[in-house]
Amino acid sequence: MEDSGKIVKTIIHAGTKAVPFVPGTKVVFHFKTTKCNNEKTVIDDSKKMGNAMELVLGKKFKLEVWEAIVQKMALNEVAAFRVHSSLVTSYPFISKTLREVGKPGKRNHHCCGVTLQNEGIGYDDLNELIKNPQDLEFTIELTSVIPPSDYEKESWQLTEAEKLKSIPDLREKGNCLFKGKNYEAAAETYAKAISYLEQLMLAEKPNDEEWIELNNMKNPLLLNFAQCKLFQKEYYAAIEHCTTVLKYEPKNVKAFYRRGKAHIAVWNEKEATDDLNRAVELDPLLRNAIEKELQLFSDAIKEKEKLEMKKLSQMFCK
């Protein structure tokens, strides 16, 4: 048994190997939370909840004691930790969140002091813990320890520098997926890069040098994303993103061309003709290809009109 004052550890099953813990390490574990009464009343059991717990060390999880105790363990170890009440005052709120993850209709409301006192947080056992703080025991089974370099970080884990550094890699990954005709995955990858850039832009003053530099990095990604949307037949999304590019780059040939193609797909004759003619003005080498596209579009419109006239005549002949 190990006694460190407010945390008392008892090993139930020894682990298979010691592992290094550094900031950014992802730990995965199952937990069972019980009261320290004679009945060992169970409050929560992650195995019954159906999901193991994941923590990233150093990211200030609201229940700090969990970060402390898992770092006292070896991989595959099972241990019980009796924790002083002063270290687990936030547990009822963590428990509420964990119980409601993935449940439809459940929403985490912010509770002011008066509401909390009068209504509680929706669970009788957790309300009791709030009113009567007490020691808790956590039985932890440490199933996985993943170094920061061995998993893809979530957006919230990345620093601004890491987000910026990841942009070229995401763009290249998206390009490879696009070449492999995996347009859905390519679009998701471009979207992630765009999201990172937009988060970084929020920290800058619009139209300042740093903001413009980030926006210039974003525009090619928007065009790539729009091209994916064309192949996915999501034409209005393609129009929207090309329009965003043209707001800042009013002579961008690709944006006019791709937006024109999207307008053709949704039968916007004037908009398609204007965009494609503008693309020719900016790049005369496109003239032959675009004239063919416009002719095909014109023929398609005539055929569509014929079919509509035929339907109308049939209606009146009845």
C-alpha atoms as a PDB file:
ATOM      1  CA  MET A   1       0.000   0.000   0.000  1.00  0.00           C
ATOM      2  CA  GLU A   2       1.173   3.536  -0.824  1.00  0.00           C
ATOM      3  CA  ASP A   3       0.066   6.492   1.292  1.00  0.00           C
ATOM      4  CA  SER A   4       0.693  10.007  -0.004  1.00  0.00           C
ATOM      5  CA  GLY A   5      -1.523  11.853   2.436  1.00  0.00           C
ATOM      6  CA  LYS A   6      -4.732  12.523   0.584  1.00  0.00           C
ATOM      7  CA  ILE A   7      -4.321   9.679  -1.923  1.00  0.00           C
ATOM      8  CA  VAL A   8      -3.992   6.058  -0.781  1.00  0.00           C
ATOM      9  CA  LYS A   9      -3.152   3.465  -3.425  1.00  0.00           C
ATOM     10  CA  THR A  10      -3.737  -0.294  -3.249  1.00  0.00           C
ATOM     11  CA  ILE A  11      -2.499  -2.495  -6.105  1.00  0.00           C
ATOM     12  CA  ILE A  12      -5.035  -5.134  -7.155  1.00  0.00           C
ATOM     13  CA  HIS A  13      -3.189  -6.552 -10.186  1.00  0.00           C
ATOM     14  CA  ALA A  14       0.398  -5.641 -11.035  1.00  0.00           C
ATOM     15  CA  GLY A  15       1.089  -4.022 -14.401  1.00  0.00           C
ATOM     16  CA  THR A  16       3.153  -5.458 -17.247  1.00  0.00           C
ATOM     17  CA  LYS A  17       5.633  -2.610 -17.680  1.00  0.00           C
ATOM     18  CA  ALA A  18       6.519   0.849 -16.448  1.00  0.00           C
ATOM     19  CA  VAL A  19       5.865   3.598 -18.972  1.00  0.00           C
ATOM     20  CA  PRO A  20       7.112   7.197 -19.241  1.00  0.00           C
ATOM     21  CA  PHE A  21       4.556   9.951 -18.763  1.00  0.00           C
ATOM     22  CA  VAL A  22       5.221  13.283 -20.454  1.00  0.00           C
ATOM     23  CA  PRO A  23       2.903  16.209 -21.215  1.00  0.00           C
ATOM     24  CA  GLY A  24       0.718  15.343 -24.191  1.00  0.00           C
ATOM     25  CA  THR A  25       0.687  11.609 -23.462  1.00  0.00           C
ATOM     26  CA  LYS A  26      -2.738  10.065 -24.041  1.00  0.00           C
ATOM     27  CA  VAL A  27      -3.833   7.589 -21.370  1.00  0.00           C
ATOM     28  CA  VAL A  28      -6.813   5.258 -21.749  1.00  0.00           C
ATOM     29  CA  PHE A  29      -8.326   3.579 -18.707  1.00  0.00           C
ATOM     30  CA  HIS A  30     -11.448   2.036 -17.256  1.00  0.00           C
ATOM     31  CA  PHE A  31     -12.631   3.299 -13.891  1.00  0.00           C
ATOM     32  CA  LYS A  32     -15.119   2.375 -11.215  1.00  0.00           C
ATOM     33  CA  THR A  33     -16.070   5.039  -8.707  1.00  0.00           C
ATOM     34  CA  THR A  34     -17.376   3.921  -5.312  1.00  0.00           C
ATOM     35  CA  LYS A  35     -18.164   5.470  -1.976  1.00  0.00           C
ATOM     36  CA  CYS A  36     -15.909   4.571   0.906  1.00  0.00           C
ATOM     37  CA  ASN A  37     -18.758   3.115   2.982  1.00  0.00           C
ATOM     38  CA  ASN A  38     -19.137  -0.472   4.116  1.00  0.00           C
ATOM     39  CA  GLU A  39     -21.305  -1.295   1.098  1.00  0.00           C
ATOM     40  CA  LYS A  40     -18.784   0.193  -1.360  1.00  0.00           C
ATOM     41  CA  THR A  41     -21.709   1.826  -3.164  1.00  0.00           C
ATOM     42  CA  VAL A  42     -20.934   2.105  -6.873  1.00  0.00           C
ATOM     43  CA  ILE A  43     -21.439   5.559  -8.361  1.00  0.00           C
ATOM     44  CA  ASP A  44     -20.061   5.020 -11.881  1.00  0.00           C
ATOM     45  CA  ASP A  45     -18.535   2.168 -13.864  1.00  0.00           C
ATOM     46  CA  SER A  46     -17.011   2.977 -17.263  1.00  0.00           C
ATOM     47  CA  LYS A  47     -17.388  -0.607 -18.457  1.00  0.00           C
ATOM     48  CA  LYS A  48     -21.136  -0.410 -17.878  1.00  0.00           C
ATOM     49  CA  MET A  49     -21.183   3.011 -19.528  1.00  0.00           C
ATOM     50  CA  GLY A  50     -19.610   1.355 -22.555  1.00  0.00           C
ATOM     51  CA  ASN A  51     -16.611   3.646 -23.027  1.00  0.00           C
ATOM     52  CA  ALA A  52     -13.120   3.798 -21.614  1.00  0.00           C
ATOM     53  CA  MET A  53     -11.880   7.160 -20.349  1.00  0.00           C
ATOM     54  CA  GLU A  54      -9.265   9.066 -22.353  1.00  0.00           C
ATOM     55  CA  LEU A  55      -7.091  11.829 -20.918  1.00  0.00           C
ATOM     56  CA  VAL A  56      -4.306  13.885 -22.433  1.00  0.00           C
ATOM     57  CA  LEU A  57      -1.811  14.710 -19.696  1.00  0.00           C
ATOM     58  CA  GLY A  58      -1.068  18.360 -19.096  1.00  0.00           C
ATOM     59  CA  LYS A  59      -4.331  19.640 -20.610  1.00  0.00           C
ATOM     60  CA  LYS A  60      -5.888  20.568 -17.256  1.00  0.00           C
ATOM     61  CA  PHE A  61      -8.735  18.072 -17.079  1.00  0.00           C
ATOM     62  CA  LYS A  62     -11.315  19.290 -14.583  1.00  0.00           C
ATOM     63  CA  LEU A  63     -10.646  16.367 -12.242  1.00  0.00           C
ATOM     64  CA  GLU A  64      -6.918  16.893 -11.718  1.00  0.00           C
ATOM     65  CA  VAL A  65      -6.563  13.968  -9.354  1.00  0.00           C
ATOM     66  CA  TRP A  66      -7.125  11.498 -12.221  1.00  0.00           C
ATOM     67  CA  GLU A  67      -4.036  12.833 -13.989  1.00  0.00           C
ATOM     68  CA  ALA A  68      -2.061  12.377 -10.778  1.00  0.00           C
ATOM     69  CA  ILE A  69      -3.162   8.830 -10.022  1.00  0.00           C
ATOM     70  CA  VAL A  70      -2.757   7.315 -13.497  1.00  0.00           C
ATOM     71  CA  GLN A  71       0.857   8.476 -13.473  1.00  0.00           C
ATOM     72  CA  LYS A  72       1.400   6.306 -10.401  1.00  0.00           C
ATOM     73  CA  MET A  73       0.529   3.209 -12.457  1.00  0.00           C
ATOM     74  CA  ALA A  74       2.160   0.739 -14.840  1.00  0.00           C
ATOM     75  CA  LEU A  75       0.579  -0.372 -18.108  1.00  0.00           C
ATOM     76  CA  ASN A  76      -2.245  -2.940 -17.571  1.00  0.00           C
ATOM     77  CA  GLU A  77      -2.135  -2.382 -13.831  1.00  0.00           C
ATOM     78  CA  VAL A  78      -5.343  -2.414 -11.814  1.00  0.00           C
ATOM     79  CA  ALA A  79      -5.281  -0.342  -8.639  1.00  0.00           C
ATOM     80  CA  ALA A  80      -7.678   1.249  -6.176  1.00  0.00           C
ATOM     81  CA  PHE A  81      -7.126   4.832  -5.053  1.00  0.00           C
ATOM     82  CA  ARG A  82      -8.881   6.243  -2.011  1.00  0.00           C
ATOM     83  CA  VAL A  83      -8.986   9.997  -2.537  1.00  0.00           C
ATOM     84  CA  HIS A  84      -9.714  12.657   0.072  1.00  0.00           C
ATOM     85  CA  SER A  85     -12.965  14.566  -0.341  1.00  0.00           C
ATOM     86  CA  SER A  86     -11.133  17.863  -0.895  1.00  0.00           C
ATOM     87  CA  LEU A  87      -9.704  16.523  -4.178  1.00  0.00           C
ATOM     88  CA  VAL A  88     -12.974  15.268  -5.656  1.00  0.00           C
ATOM     89  CA  THR A  89     -15.407  18.171  -5.204  1.00  0.00           C
ATOM     90  CA  SER A  90     -15.731  18.461  -8.999  1.00  0.00           C
ATOM     91  CA  TYR A  91     -16.492  14.756  -9.486  1.00  0.00           C
ATOM     92  CA  PRO A  92     -20.336  15.048  -9.522  1.00  0.00           C
ATOM     93  CA  PHE A  93     -20.129  17.456 -12.464  1.00  0.00           C
ATOM     94  CA  ILE A  94     -17.624  15.256 -14.332  1.00  0.00           C
ATOM     95  CA  SER A  95     -19.863  12.260 -13.676  1.00  0.00           C
ATOM     96  CA  LYS A  96     -22.922  14.073 -15.042  1.00  0.00           C
ATOM     97  CA  THR A  97     -21.059  14.878 -18.258  1.00  0.00           C
ATOM     98  CA  LEU A  98     -19.780  11.313 -18.677  1.00  0.00           C
ATOM     99  CA  ARG A  99     -23.217   9.833 -18.063  1.00  0.00           C
ATOM    100  CA  GLU A 100     -24.781  12.045 -20.714  1.00  0.00           C
ATOM    101  CA  VAL A 101     -22.173  11.712 -23.467  1.00  0.00           C
ATOM    102  CA  GLY A 102     -23.883  10.559 -26.657  1.00  0.00           C
ATOM    103  CA  LYS A 103     -27.358  10.539 -25.145  1.00  0.00           C
ATOM    104  CA  PRO A 104     -29.868  12.361 -27.376  1.00  0.00           C
ATOM    105  CA  GLY A 105     -31.687  15.250 -25.773  1.00  0.00           C
ATOM    106  CA  LYS A 106     -29.157  15.649 -22.988  1.00  0.00           C
ATOM    107  CA  ARG A 107     -27.639  19.095 -22.724  1.00  0.00           C
ATOM    108  CA  ASN A 108     -25.154  20.418 -20.215  1.00  0.00           C
ATOM    109  CA  HIS A 109     -26.660  23.551 -18.740  1.00  0.00           C
ATOM    110  CA  HIS A 110     -24.649  26.068 -16.795  1.00  0.00           C
ATOM    111  CA  CYS A 111     -26.028  26.172 -13.279  1.00  0.00           C
ATOM    112  CA  CYS A 112     -25.915  29.292 -11.162  1.00  0.00           C
ATOM    113  CA  GLY A 113     -25.661  28.873  -7.403  1.00  0.00           C
ATOM    114  CA  VAL A 114     -29.378  29.364  -6.777  1.00  0.00           C
ATOM    115  CA  THR A 115     -30.427  26.861  -9.469  1.00  0.00           C
ATOM    116  CA  LEU A 116     -27.886  24.314  -8.228  1.00  0.00           C
ATOM    117  CA  GLN A 117     -29.124  24.667  -4.652  1.00  0.00           C
ATOM    118  CA  ASN A 118     -32.785  24.381  -5.591  1.00  0.00           C
ATOM    119  CA  GLU A 119     -32.754  21.875  -8.463  1.00  0.00           C
ATOM    120  CA  GLY A 120     -29.413  20.050  -8.340  1.00  0.00           C
ATOM    121  CA  ILE A 121     -27.834  18.569 -11.458  1.00  0.00           C
ATOM    122  CA  GLY A 122     -30.392  15.937 -12.334  1.00  0.00           C
ATOM    123  CA  TYR A 123     -29.072  12.874 -10.468  1.00  0.00           C
ATOM    124  CA  ASP A 124     -29.949  12.166  -6.838  1.00  0.00           C
ATOM    125  CA  ASP A 125     -26.702  10.377  -5.991  1.00  0.00           C
ATOM    126  CA  LEU A 126     -24.622  13.194  -7.474  1.00  0.00           C
ATOM    127  CA  ASN A 127     -26.712  15.836  -5.713  1.00  0.00           C
ATOM    128  CA  GLU A 128     -25.959  14.027  -2.456  1.00  0.00           C
ATOM    129  CA  LEU A 129     -22.218  14.174  -3.168  1.00  0.00           C
ATOM    130  CA  ILE A 130     -22.471  17.911  -3.778  1.00  0.00           C
ATOM    131  CA  LYS A 131     -24.333  18.467  -0.493  1.00  0.00           C
ATOM    132  CA  ASN A 132     -22.200  16.014   1.500  1.00  0.00           C
ATOM    133  CA  PRO A 133     -18.631  15.881   0.108  1.00  0.00           C
ATOM    134  CA  GLN A 134     -16.886  12.630   0.997  1.00  0.00           C
ATOM    135  CA  ASP A 135     -13.853  10.494   0.168  1.00  0.00           C
ATOM    136  CA  LEU A 136     -14.196   8.453  -3.017  1.00  0.00           C
ATOM    137  CA  GLU A 137     -12.424   5.343  -4.257  1.00  0.00           C
ATOM    138  CA  PHE A 138     -11.417   5.002  -7.901  1.00  0.00           C
ATOM    139  CA  THR A 139     -10.544   1.540  -9.192  1.00  0.00           C
ATOM    140  CA  ILE A 140      -8.460   2.176 -12.289  1.00  0.00           C
ATOM    141  CA  GLU A 141      -7.401  -0.246 -15.036  1.00  0.00           C
ATOM    142  CA  LEU A 142      -4.761   1.420 -17.199  1.00  0.00           C
ATOM    143  CA  THR A 143      -5.157  -0.129 -20.660  1.00  0.00           C
ATOM    144  CA  SER A 144      -3.156   2.149 -22.945  1.00  0.00           C
ATOM    145  CA  VAL A 145      -0.436   4.800 -22.782  1.00  0.00           C
ATOM    146  CA  ILE A 146       0.216   6.571 -26.096  1.00  0.00           C
ATOM    147  CA  PRO A 147       3.156   8.993 -26.525  1.00  0.00           C
ATOM    148  CA  PRO A 148       2.336  12.359 -28.151  1.00  0.00           C
ATOM    149  CA  SER A 149       4.178  11.371 -31.336  1.00  0.00           C
ATOM    150  CA  ASP A 150       2.077   8.220 -31.842  1.00  0.00           C
ATOM    151  CA  TYR A 151      -1.390   9.663 -32.309  1.00  0.00           C
ATOM    152  CA  GLU A 152      -2.996  12.425 -34.309  1.00  0.00           C
ATOM    153  CA  LYS A 153      -3.794  15.301 -32.013  1.00  0.00           C
ATOM    154  CA  GLU A 154      -7.207  16.890 -31.834  1.00  0.00           C
ATOM    155  CA  SER A 155      -7.504  20.554 -32.752  1.00  0.00           C
ATOM    156  CA  TRP A 156      -7.829  21.672 -29.127  1.00  0.00           C
ATOM    157  CA  GLN A 157      -4.527  19.966 -28.250  1.00  0.00           C
ATOM    158  CA  LEU A 158      -2.495  21.863 -30.844  1.00  0.00           C
ATOM    159  CA  THR A 159      -0.655  25.093 -30.202  1.00  0.00           C
ATOM    160  CA  GLU A 160      -0.926  27.897 -32.757  1.00  0.00           C
ATOM    161  CA  ALA A 161       2.551  27.035 -34.025  1.00  0.00           C
ATOM    162  CA  GLU A 162       1.604  23.365 -34.431  1.00  0.00           C
ATOM    163  CA  LYS A 163      -1.570  24.263 -36.345  1.00  0.00           C
ATOM    164  CA  LEU A 164       0.384  26.499 -38.711  1.00  0.00           C
ATOM    165  CA  LYS A 165       3.076  23.873 -39.217  1.00  0.00           C
ATOM    166  CA  SER A 166       0.479  21.201 -40.066  1.00  0.00           C
ATOM    167  CA  ILE A 167      -1.077  23.145 -42.968  1.00  0.00           C
ATOM    168  CA  PRO A 168       1.361  22.054 -45.749  1.00  0.00           C
ATOM    169  CA  ASP A 169       1.112  18.414 -44.626  1.00  0.00           C
ATOM    170  CA  LEU A 170      -2.695  18.533 -44.617  1.00  0.00           C
ATOM    171  CA  ARG A 171      -2.718  20.136 -48.059  1.00  0.00           C
ATOM    172  CA  GLU A 172      -0.390  17.441 -49.432  1.00  0.00           C
ATOM    173  CA  LYS A 173      -2.464  14.697 -47.806  1.00  0.00           C
ATOM    174  CA  GLY A 174      -5.613  16.179 -49.342  1.00  0.00           C
ATOM    175  CA  ASN A 175      -3.948  16.335 -52.756  1.00  0.00           C
ATOM    176  CA  CYS A 176      -2.963  12.659 -52.550  1.00  0.00           C
ATOM    177  CA  LEU A 177      -6.493  11.664 -51.571  1.00  0.00           C
ATOM    178  CA  PHE A 178      -7.880  13.774 -54.422  1.00  0.00           C
ATOM    179  CA  LYS A 179      -5.565  12.130 -56.951  1.00  0.00           C
ATOM    180  CA  GLY A 180      -6.796   8.787 -55.664  1.00  0.00           C
ATOM    181  CA  LYS A 181     -10.381   9.992 -56.323  1.00  0.00           C
ATOM    182  CA  ASN A 182     -11.254   9.776 -52.636  1.00  0.00           C
ATOM    183  CA  TYR A 183     -13.067  13.097 -52.787  1.00  0.00           C
ATOM    184  CA  GLU A 184     -14.881  12.785 -49.472  1.00  0.00           C
ATOM    185  CA  ALA A 185     -11.687  12.172 -47.483  1.00  0.00           C
ATOM    186  CA  ALA A 186      -9.865  14.859 -49.461  1.00  0.00           C
ATOM    187  CA  ALA A 187     -12.614  17.374 -48.668  1.00  0.00           C
ATOM    188  CA  GLU A 188     -12.423  16.500 -44.959  1.00  0.00           C
ATOM    189  CA  THR A 189      -8.651  16.998 -44.986  1.00  0.00           C
ATOM    190  CA  TYR A 190      -8.863  20.346 -46.762  1.00  0.00           C
ATOM    191  CA  ALA A 191     -11.636  21.382 -44.370  1.00  0.00           C
ATOM    192  CA  LYS A 192      -9.426  20.610 -41.379  1.00  0.00           C
ATOM    193  CA  ALA A 193      -6.631  22.784 -42.772  1.00  0.00           C
ATOM    194  CA  ILE A 194      -9.120  25.584 -43.512  1.00  0.00           C
ATOM    195  CA  SER A 195     -10.456  25.328 -39.957  1.00  0.00           C
ATOM    196  CA  TYR A 196      -6.963  25.649 -38.474  1.00  0.00           C
ATOM    197  CA  LEU A 197      -6.265  28.735 -40.582  1.00  0.00           C
ATOM    198  CA  GLU A 198      -9.567  30.331 -39.615  1.00  0.00           C
ATOM    199  CA  GLN A 199      -8.805  29.722 -35.939  1.00  0.00           C
ATOM    200  CA  LEU A 200      -5.416  31.397 -36.390  1.00  0.00           C
ATOM    201  CA  MET A 201      -7.007  34.306 -38.274  1.00  0.00           C
ATOM    202  CA  LEU A 202      -9.300  35.000 -35.321  1.00  0.00           C
ATOM    203  CA  ALA A 203      -6.222  35.934 -33.306  1.00  0.00           C
ATOM    204  CA  GLU A 204      -5.212  38.573 -35.883  1.00  0.00           C
ATOM    205  CA  LYS A 205      -6.710  41.906 -36.817  1.00  0.00           C
ATOM    206  CA  PRO A 206      -8.565  41.601 -40.160  1.00  0.00           C
ATOM    207  CA  ASN A 207      -6.543  42.856 -43.118  1.00  0.00           C
ATOM    208  CA  ASP A 208      -3.349  43.233 -41.092  1.00  0.00           C
ATOM    209  CA  GLU A 209      -0.249  41.673 -42.648  1.00  0.00           C
ATOM    210  CA  GLU A 210      -0.434  38.466 -40.572  1.00  0.00           C
ATOM    211  CA  TRP A 211      -4.157  38.063 -41.304  1.00  0.00           C
ATOM    212  CA  ILE A 212      -3.614  38.568 -45.049  1.00  0.00           C
ATOM    213  CA  GLU A 213      -0.796  36.016 -45.070  1.00  0.00           C
ATOM    214  CA  LEU A 214      -3.045  33.406 -43.436  1.00  0.00           C
ATOM    215  CA  ASN A 215      -5.914  34.244 -45.799  1.00  0.00           C
ATOM    216  CA  ASN A 216      -3.596  33.806 -48.788  1.00  0.00           C
ATOM    217  CA  MET A 217      -2.813  30.315 -47.491  1.00  0.00           C
ATOM    218  CA  LYS A 218      -6.529  29.579 -47.088  1.00  0.00           C
ATOM    219  CA  ASN A 219      -7.691  30.532 -50.605  1.00  0.00           C
ATOM    220  CA  PRO A 220      -5.979  27.648 -52.489  1.00  0.00           C
ATOM    221  CA  LEU A 221      -7.429  25.232 -49.945  1.00  0.00           C
ATOM    222  CA  LEU A 222     -10.903  26.690 -50.499  1.00  0.00           C
ATOM    223  CA  LEU A 223     -10.483  26.122 -54.237  1.00  0.00           C
ATOM    224  CA  ASN A 224      -9.389  22.528 -53.662  1.00  0.00           C
ATOM    225  CA  PHE A 225     -12.350  22.029 -51.343  1.00  0.00           C
ATOM    226  CA  ALA A 226     -14.674  23.503 -53.988  1.00  0.00           C
ATOM    227  CA  GLN A 227     -13.291  21.097 -56.591  1.00  0.00           C
ATOM    228  CA  CYS A 228     -14.069  18.182 -54.273  1.00  0.00           C
ATOM    229  CA  LYS A 229     -17.601  19.496 -53.850  1.00  0.00           C
ATOM    230  CA  LEU A 230     -18.011  19.622 -57.639  1.00  0.00           C
ATOM    231  CA  PHE A 231     -17.140  15.928 -57.872  1.00  0.00           C
ATOM    232  CA  GLN A 232     -19.461  15.193 -54.940  1.00  0.00           C
ATOM    233  CA  LYS A 233     -22.258  17.061 -56.753  1.00  0.00           C
ATOM    234  CA  GLU A 234     -22.573  19.546 -53.884  1.00  0.00           C
ATOM    235  CA  TYR A 235     -22.750  22.470 -56.264  1.00  0.00           C
ATOM    236  CA  TYR A 236     -23.983  25.207 -53.963  1.00  0.00           C
ATOM    237  CA  ALA A 237     -21.095  24.541 -51.577  1.00  0.00           C
ATOM    238  CA  ALA A 238     -18.690  24.870 -54.532  1.00  0.00           C
ATOM    239  CA  ILE A 239     -20.312  28.185 -55.512  1.00  0.00           C
ATOM    240  CA  GLU A 240     -20.074  29.483 -51.949  1.00  0.00           C
ATOM    241  CA  HIS A 241     -16.381  28.722 -51.515  1.00  0.00           C
ATOM    242  CA  CYS A 242     -15.367  30.042 -54.938  1.00  0.00           C
ATOM    243  CA  THR A 243     -17.251  33.246 -54.133  1.00  0.00           C
ATOM    244  CA  THR A 244     -15.259  33.571 -50.905  1.00  0.00           C
ATOM    245  CA  VAL A 245     -12.011  33.286 -52.855  1.00  0.00           C
ATOM    246  CA  LEU A 246     -13.131  35.887 -55.413  1.00  0.00           C
ATOM    247  CA  LYS A 247     -13.897  38.346 -52.630  1.00  0.00           C
ATOM    248  CA  TYR A 248     -10.157  38.544 -51.945  1.00  0.00           C
ATOM    249  CA  GLU A 249      -8.768  37.482 -55.330  1.00  0.00           C
ATOM    250  CA  PRO A 250     -11.086  39.035 -57.958  1.00  0.00           C
ATOM    251  CA  LYS A 251      -8.919  37.783 -60.847  1.00  0.00           C
ATOM    252  CA  ASN A 252      -8.646  34.157 -59.772  1.00  0.00           C
ATOM    253  CA  VAL A 253      -9.238  32.118 -62.942  1.00  0.00           C
ATOM    254  CA  LYS A 254      -9.793  28.820 -61.126  1.00  0.00           C
ATOM    255  CA  ALA A 255     -12.458  30.358 -58.918  1.00  0.00           C
ATOM    256  CA  PHE A 256     -14.399  31.729 -61.915  1.00  0.00           C
ATOM    257  CA  TYR A 257     -14.039  28.475 -63.830  1.00  0.00           C
ATOM    258  CA  ARG A 258     -15.115  26.200 -60.967  1.00  0.00           C
ATOM    259  CA  ARG A 259     -17.955  28.471 -59.937  1.00  0.00           C
ATOM    260  CA  GLY A 260     -19.082  28.594 -63.575  1.00  0.00           C
ATOM    261  CA  LYS A 261     -19.095  24.790 -63.733  1.00  0.00           C
ATOM    262  CA  ALA A 262     -21.167  24.670 -60.533  1.00  0.00           C
ATOM    263  CA  HIS A 263     -23.647  27.194 -61.961  1.00  0.00           C
ATOM    264  CA  ILE A 264     -24.021  25.012 -65.073  1.00  0.00           C
ATOM    265  CA  ALA A 265     -24.877  22.040 -62.851  1.00  0.00           C
ATOM    266  CA  VAL A 266     -27.718  23.961 -61.180  1.00  0.00           C
ATOM    267  CA  TRP A 267     -28.978  25.531 -64.459  1.00  0.00           C
ATOM    268  CA  ASN A 268     -27.941  29.111 -63.630  1.00  0.00           C
ATOM    269  CA  GLU A 269     -27.474  30.175 -67.251  1.00  0.00           C
ATOM    270  CA  LYS A 270     -26.536  33.844 -66.810  1.00  0.00           C
ATOM    271  CA  GLU A 271     -24.214  33.227 -63.847  1.00  0.00           C
ATOM    272  CA  ALA A 272     -22.488  30.331 -65.612  1.00  0.00           C
ATOM    273  CA  THR A 273     -21.993  32.316 -68.816  1.00  0.00           C
ATOM    274  CA  ASP A 274     -20.670  35.368 -66.931  1.00  0.00           C
ATOM    275  CA  ASP A 275     -18.202  33.323 -64.864  1.00  0.00           C
ATOM    276  CA  LEU A 276     -16.855  31.253 -67.744  1.00  0.00           C
ATOM    277  CA  ASN A 277     -16.517  34.270 -70.041  1.00  0.00           C
ATOM    278  CA  ARG A 278     -14.639  36.079 -67.274  1.00  0.00           C
ATOM    279  CA  ALA A 279     -12.313  33.076 -66.975  1.00  0.00           C
ATOM    280  CA  VAL A 280     -11.585  33.355 -70.723  1.00  0.00           C
ATOM    281  CA  GLU A 281     -10.832  37.055 -70.373  1.00  0.00           C
ATOM    282  CA  LEU A 282      -8.295  36.292 -67.651  1.00  0.00           C
ATOM    283  CA  ASP A 283      -6.813  33.257 -69.441  1.00  0.00           C
ATOM    284  CA  PRO A 284      -7.422  33.196 -73.240  1.00  0.00           C
ATOM    285  CA  LEU A 285      -5.895  29.709 -73.437  1.00  0.00           C
ATOM    286  CA  LEU A 286      -9.134  28.420 -71.954  1.00  0.00           C
ATOM    287  CA  ARG A 287     -11.237  29.787 -74.825  1.00  0.00           C
ATOM    288  CA  ASN A 288     -11.684  26.564 -76.819  1.00  0.00           C
ATOM    289  CA  ALA A 289     -12.480  24.419 -73.816  1.00  0.00           C
ATOM    290  CA  ILE A 290     -14.932  26.941 -72.375  1.00  0.00           C
ATOM    291  CA  GLU A 291     -16.672  27.583 -75.699  1.00  0.00           C
ATOM    292  CA  LYS A 292     -17.300  23.841 -75.949  1.00  0.00           C
ATOM    293  CA  GLU A 293     -18.696  23.767 -72.396  1.00  0.00           C
ATOM    294  CA  LEU A 294     -20.979  26.729 -73.074  1.00  0.00           C
ATOM    295  CA  GLN A 295     -22.204  25.174 -76.317  1.00  0.00           C
ATOM    296  CA  LEU A 296     -22.996  21.910 -74.549  1.00  0.00           C
ATOM    297  CA  PHE A 297     -24.772  23.878 -71.830  1.00  0.00           C
ATOM    298  CA  SER A 298     -26.764  25.825 -74.435  1.00  0.00           C
ATOM    299  CA  ASP A 299     -27.785  22.576 -76.130  1.00  0.00           C
ATOM    300  CA  ALA A 300     -28.793  21.099 -72.781  1.00  0.00           C
ATOM    301  CA  ILE A 301     -30.926  24.141 -71.998  1.00  0.00           C
ATOM    302  CA  LYS A 302     -32.696  23.903 -75.364  1.00  0.00           C
ATOM    303  CA  GLU A 303     -33.368  20.216 -74.814  1.00  0.00           C
ATOM    304  CA  LYS A 304     -34.660  20.956 -71.325  1.00  0.00           C
ATOM    305  CA  GLU A 305     -36.977  23.654 -72.701  1.00  0.00           C
ATOM    306  CA  LYS A 306     -38.285  21.263 -75.378  1.00  0.00           C
ATOM    307  CA  LEU A 307     -39.096  18.654 -72.754  1.00  0.00           C
ATOM    308  CA  GLU A 308     -40.857  21.228 -70.608  1.00  0.00           C
ATOM    309  CA  MET A 309     -42.898  22.488 -73.599  1.00  0.00           C
ATOM    310  CA  LYS A 310     -43.824  18.912 -74.461  1.00  0.00           C
ATOM    311  CA  LYS A 311     -45.031  18.289 -70.909  1.00  0.00           C
ATOM    312  CA  LEU A 312     -47.089  21.481 -70.985  1.00  0.00           C
ATOM    313  CA  SER A 313     -48.691  20.614 -74.332  1.00  0.00           C
ATOM    314  CA  GLN A 314     -49.582  17.159 -73.065  1.00  0.00           C
ATOM    315  CA  MET A 315     -51.230  18.708 -70.018  1.00  0.00           C
ATOM    316  CA  PHE A 316     -53.383  21.032 -72.144  1.00  0.00           C
ATOM    317  CA  CYS A 317     -54.287  18.276 -74.614  1.00  0.00           C
ATOM    318  CA  LYS A 318     -55.847  16.153 -71.889  1.00  0.00           C
END
